[in-house]
């Protein structure tokens, strides 16, 4: 069906999940192409490579989104594209825009740092150093949320989908680690309670695991204890 949006990504949560959450929240009709990887030691990705240069992308990569004539790679670009549909999930004014841009930069660093931990084969030995970093950043983010329903204020925007997804991955990896944050914890609970997010997570379209690829030190196949 050419009218349907197509999302292509690995068969994991990774960078694709916040996009899936946006598609679901917006109630958009979409098809998902999930590319599998083979097992160690080759981690074969020939199924993706067979498609990679046939999709008409300017910068062939995963995730990608095809929406009518629009073909996009880069996860932030995809999320903004979806956010601008009826301006539903983009900032509404200059002040919100500034907060959004700032949050985007901070959250990209936050995401990359967690991913770097997960994909390191020395994962277990690096967790205490990571948690120290995480608590420093979350203290800032917790203050940033003080008096705000969402990251930019009263309006839910695309940055919230990324932040809440990373927080969810982190709490799977480190159960209980978010409980001391007086603003982050209720913020995440508000997101989890959004009707379309909750119904997506209860549906057979949702896959909680694996969080990361087969090449990761921590794949996220279940909650860590």
Protein backbone atom coordinates (compact mmCIF):
# COMPACT_ATOMS: atom_id res chain seq x y z
CA UNK A 1 0.00 0.00 0.00
CA UNK A 2 1.70 3.18 -1.25
CA UNK A 3 -0.35 5.40 1.06
CA UNK A 4 1.11 3.78 4.15
CA UNK A 5 4.13 5.13 5.97
CA UNK A 6 7.01 2.66 6.02
CA UNK A 7 9.51 2.48 8.86
CA UNK A 8 12.64 0.41 8.43
CA UNK A 9 14.90 -0.53 11.33
CA UNK A 10 16.71 -3.43 12.96
CA UNK A 11 14.62 -5.97 14.83
CA UNK A 12 15.38 -4.27 18.17
CA UNK A 13 14.21 -1.22 20.11
CA UNK A 14 17.39 0.85 19.84
CA UNK A 15 16.96 4.16 17.99
CA UNK A 16 13.79 2.97 16.31
CA UNK A 17 11.52 2.73 19.32
CA UNK A 18 10.89 6.43 19.93
CA UNK A 19 9.81 6.66 16.26
CA UNK A 20 7.45 3.69 16.71
CA UNK A 21 6.00 5.40 19.81
CA UNK A 22 5.35 8.57 17.80
CA UNK A 23 3.68 6.70 14.94
CA UNK A 24 1.43 4.95 17.44
CA UNK A 25 0.65 8.09 19.42
CA UNK A 26 -0.29 9.96 16.23
CA UNK A 27 -2.50 7.07 15.14
CA UNK A 28 -0.74 6.85 11.78
CA UNK A 29 -1.16 3.90 9.45
CA UNK A 30 2.30 2.39 9.02
CA UNK A 31 4.13 -0.77 8.03
CA UNK A 32 7.28 -1.83 9.76
CA UNK A 33 10.21 -3.53 8.11
CA UNK A 34 12.33 -5.14 10.81
CA UNK A 35 15.74 -6.25 9.59
CA UNK A 36 17.20 -9.26 11.41
CA UNK A 37 20.88 -9.84 12.14
CA UNK A 38 22.57 -13.21 12.11
CA UNK A 39 24.36 -14.70 15.09
CA UNK A 40 27.99 -14.36 16.16
CA UNK A 41 30.62 -14.24 14.90
CA UNK A 42 29.41 -12.83 11.53
CA UNK A 43 26.27 -10.98 12.75
CA UNK A 44 25.09 -11.21 9.16
CA UNK A 45 23.07 -8.20 8.00
CA UNK A 46 22.70 -9.15 4.33
CA UNK A 47 18.91 -8.68 4.38
CA UNK A 48 19.40 -4.99 5.17
CA UNK A 49 22.34 -4.67 2.77
CA UNK A 50 20.19 -6.07 -0.05
CA UNK A 51 17.74 -3.16 0.48
CA UNK A 52 20.14 -0.42 1.54
CA UNK A 53 20.92 1.17 -1.85
CA UNK A 54 17.58 0.42 -3.53
CA UNK A 55 15.42 2.69 -1.39
CA UNK A 56 16.31 6.03 -2.98
CA UNK A 57 17.71 7.49 0.25
CA UNK A 58 20.13 10.44 0.15
CA UNK A 59 22.00 8.93 3.10
CA UNK A 60 21.16 5.20 3.20
CA UNK A 61 20.91 4.10 6.82
CA UNK A 62 18.66 2.69 9.54
CA UNK A 63 16.22 3.84 10.73
CA UNK A 64 14.54 5.13 7.59
CA UNK A 65 11.03 6.44 6.97
CA UNK A 66 9.15 6.54 3.69
CA UNK A 67 6.11 8.82 3.78
CA UNK A 68 4.66 9.34 0.30
CA UNK A 69 7.41 11.02 -1.73
CA UNK A 70 9.42 11.83 1.37
CA UNK A 71 12.33 9.52 2.18
CA UNK A 72 14.23 10.24 5.36
CA UNK A 73 17.08 8.80 7.39
CA UNK A 74 18.52 10.08 10.71
CA UNK A 75 16.29 9.45 13.72
CA UNK A 76 15.92 13.09 14.82
CA UNK A 77 14.95 14.13 11.28
CA UNK A 78 12.35 11.36 11.18
CA UNK A 79 10.95 12.37 14.57
CA UNK A 80 10.70 16.03 13.57
CA UNK A 81 9.00 15.07 10.29
CA UNK A 82 6.36 13.18 12.28
CA UNK A 83 6.15 15.95 14.89
CA UNK A 84 5.27 18.49 12.17
CA UNK A 85 2.22 16.51 11.04
CA UNK A 86 -0.55 18.99 11.92
CA UNK A 87 2.11 20.57 14.22
CA UNK A 88 0.94 18.13 16.88
CA UNK A 89 4.30 17.27 18.44
CA UNK A 90 6.46 20.33 17.82
CA UNK A 91 6.96 23.35 20.08
CA UNK A 92 4.23 25.97 19.87
CA UNK A 93 6.22 29.16 20.43
CA UNK A 94 9.73 30.64 20.59
CA UNK A 95 10.30 29.83 24.25
CA UNK A 96 9.21 26.21 23.78
CA UNK A 97 11.41 26.01 20.67
CA UNK A 98 14.46 27.06 22.69
CA UNK A 99 13.75 24.49 25.40
CA UNK A 100 13.18 21.85 22.74
CA UNK A 101 16.48 22.56 20.94
CA UNK A 102 18.36 22.51 24.20
CA UNK A 103 16.71 19.27 25.35
CA UNK A 104 17.47 17.66 22.00
CA UNK A 105 21.20 18.31 22.39
CA UNK A 106 21.29 17.11 25.99
CA UNK A 107 19.23 14.01 25.21
CA UNK A 108 21.36 13.01 22.24
CA UNK A 109 24.41 13.00 24.53
CA UNK A 110 22.40 11.12 27.15
CA UNK A 111 21.29 8.48 24.64
CA UNK A 112 24.72 8.02 23.09
CA UNK A 113 26.35 7.60 26.49
CA UNK A 114 23.90 4.85 27.46
CA UNK A 115 24.31 3.15 24.08
CA UNK A 116 28.09 3.27 24.44
CA UNK A 117 27.77 1.46 27.77
CA UNK A 118 25.38 -1.16 26.35
CA UNK A 119 27.52 -1.90 23.30
CA UNK A 120 30.74 -2.28 25.29
CA UNK A 121 31.77 -5.91 25.87
CA UNK A 122 33.14 -4.76 29.23
CA UNK A 123 29.62 -3.67 30.22
CA UNK A 124 29.51 -5.01 33.79
CA UNK A 125 32.75 -3.27 34.79
CA UNK A 126 31.60 0.08 33.43
CA UNK A 127 28.17 0.30 35.05
CA UNK A 128 29.17 2.16 38.24
CA UNK A 129 30.98 4.86 36.25
CA UNK A 130 27.95 5.14 33.96
CA UNK A 131 25.51 5.45 36.87
CA UNK A 132 27.54 8.33 38.27
CA UNK A 133 27.28 10.11 34.90
CA UNK A 134 23.57 9.26 34.64
CA UNK A 135 22.71 10.64 38.09
CA UNK A 136 24.53 13.91 37.32
CA UNK A 137 22.55 14.34 34.08
CA UNK A 138 19.25 13.27 35.61
CA UNK A 139 19.63 15.83 38.39
CA UNK A 140 19.75 18.55 35.71
CA UNK A 141 16.84 17.04 33.80
CA UNK A 142 14.84 16.67 37.00
CA UNK A 143 15.25 20.40 37.72
CA UNK A 144 14.41 21.19 34.08
CA UNK A 145 11.07 19.38 34.55
CA UNK A 146 10.21 21.24 37.76
CA UNK A 147 6.85 22.94 37.14
CA UNK A 148 6.59 21.46 33.62
CA UNK A 149 4.25 18.74 32.46
CA UNK A 150 6.54 17.89 29.52
CA UNK A 151 10.08 18.90 28.54
CA UNK A 152 9.06 22.14 26.80
CA UNK A 153 6.20 22.95 29.18
CA UNK A 154 2.51 22.18 28.71
CA UNK A 155 2.90 20.69 25.21
CA UNK A 156 4.04 17.14 24.47
CA UNK A 157 6.72 17.23 21.74
CA UNK A 158 8.99 14.83 19.88
CA UNK A 159 11.80 15.21 22.46
CA UNK A 160 9.57 13.61 25.12
CA UNK A 161 9.30 10.45 23.02
CA UNK A 162 13.04 10.10 22.95
CA UNK A 163 13.57 10.91 26.63
CA UNK A 164 10.82 8.54 27.83
CA UNK A 165 12.12 5.72 25.64
CA UNK A 166 15.66 6.08 26.97
CA UNK A 167 14.35 6.27 30.54
CA UNK A 168 12.40 3.06 29.94
CA UNK A 169 15.51 1.31 28.59
CA UNK A 170 17.51 2.53 31.58
CA UNK A 171 14.97 1.28 34.11
CA UNK A 172 15.04 -2.15 32.44
CA UNK A 173 18.82 -2.11 32.74
CA UNK A 174 18.95 -0.65 36.27
CA UNK A 175 15.65 -1.40 38.05
CA UNK A 176 14.77 1.21 40.67
CA UNK A 177 17.41 3.71 39.56
CA UNK A 178 14.89 6.45 38.72
CA UNK A 179 12.86 6.33 41.92
CA UNK A 180 14.66 9.15 43.73
CA UNK A 181 13.79 11.75 41.07
CA UNK A 182 10.79 13.79 42.17
CA UNK A 183 9.99 15.17 38.69
CA UNK A 184 11.39 12.57 36.27
CA UNK A 185 9.44 9.70 37.87
CA UNK A 186 5.94 11.25 37.64
CA UNK A 187 6.84 12.62 34.18
CA UNK A 188 7.60 9.10 32.94
CA UNK A 189 4.41 7.82 34.59
CA UNK A 190 2.39 10.49 32.71
CA UNK A 191 3.92 9.33 29.44
CA UNK A 192 3.29 5.64 30.21
CA UNK A 193 -0.35 6.50 30.97
CA UNK A 194 -1.02 8.20 27.60
CA UNK A 195 -3.86 6.17 26.13
CA UNK A 196 -2.25 5.35 22.80
CA UNK A 197 1.13 4.56 24.36
CA UNK A 198 -0.47 2.21 26.91
CA UNK A 199 -2.59 0.45 24.27
CA UNK A 200 0.42 0.06 21.94
CA UNK A 201 2.44 -1.53 24.73
CA UNK A 202 -0.44 -3.89 25.45
CA UNK A 203 -0.72 -4.86 21.76
CA UNK A 204 1.03 -7.61 19.80
CA UNK A 205 2.80 -4.95 17.72
CA UNK A 206 4.93 -4.03 20.73
CA UNK A 207 8.12 -5.91 21.51
CA UNK A 208 9.71 -5.08 24.83
CA UNK A 209 12.86 -7.11 24.08
CA UNK A 210 15.55 -7.09 22.79
CA UNK A 211 16.58 -3.52 23.51
CA UNK A 212 19.91 -3.74 21.68
CA UNK A 213 21.56 -5.64 18.86
CA UNK A 214 23.33 -9.00 19.04
CA UNK A 215 26.69 -7.22 18.96
CA UNK A 216 25.95 -5.44 22.28
CA UNK A 217 27.50 -6.23 25.66
CA UNK A 218 24.03 -5.81 27.19
CA UNK A 219 21.32 -6.82 24.73
CA UNK A 220 18.41 -6.20 27.05
CA UNK A 221 16.63 -9.53 26.71
CA UNK A 222 15.07 -9.15 30.15
CA UNK A 223 15.19 -6.85 33.20
CA UNK A 224 18.50 -6.89 35.03
CA UNK A 225 18.15 -7.60 38.73
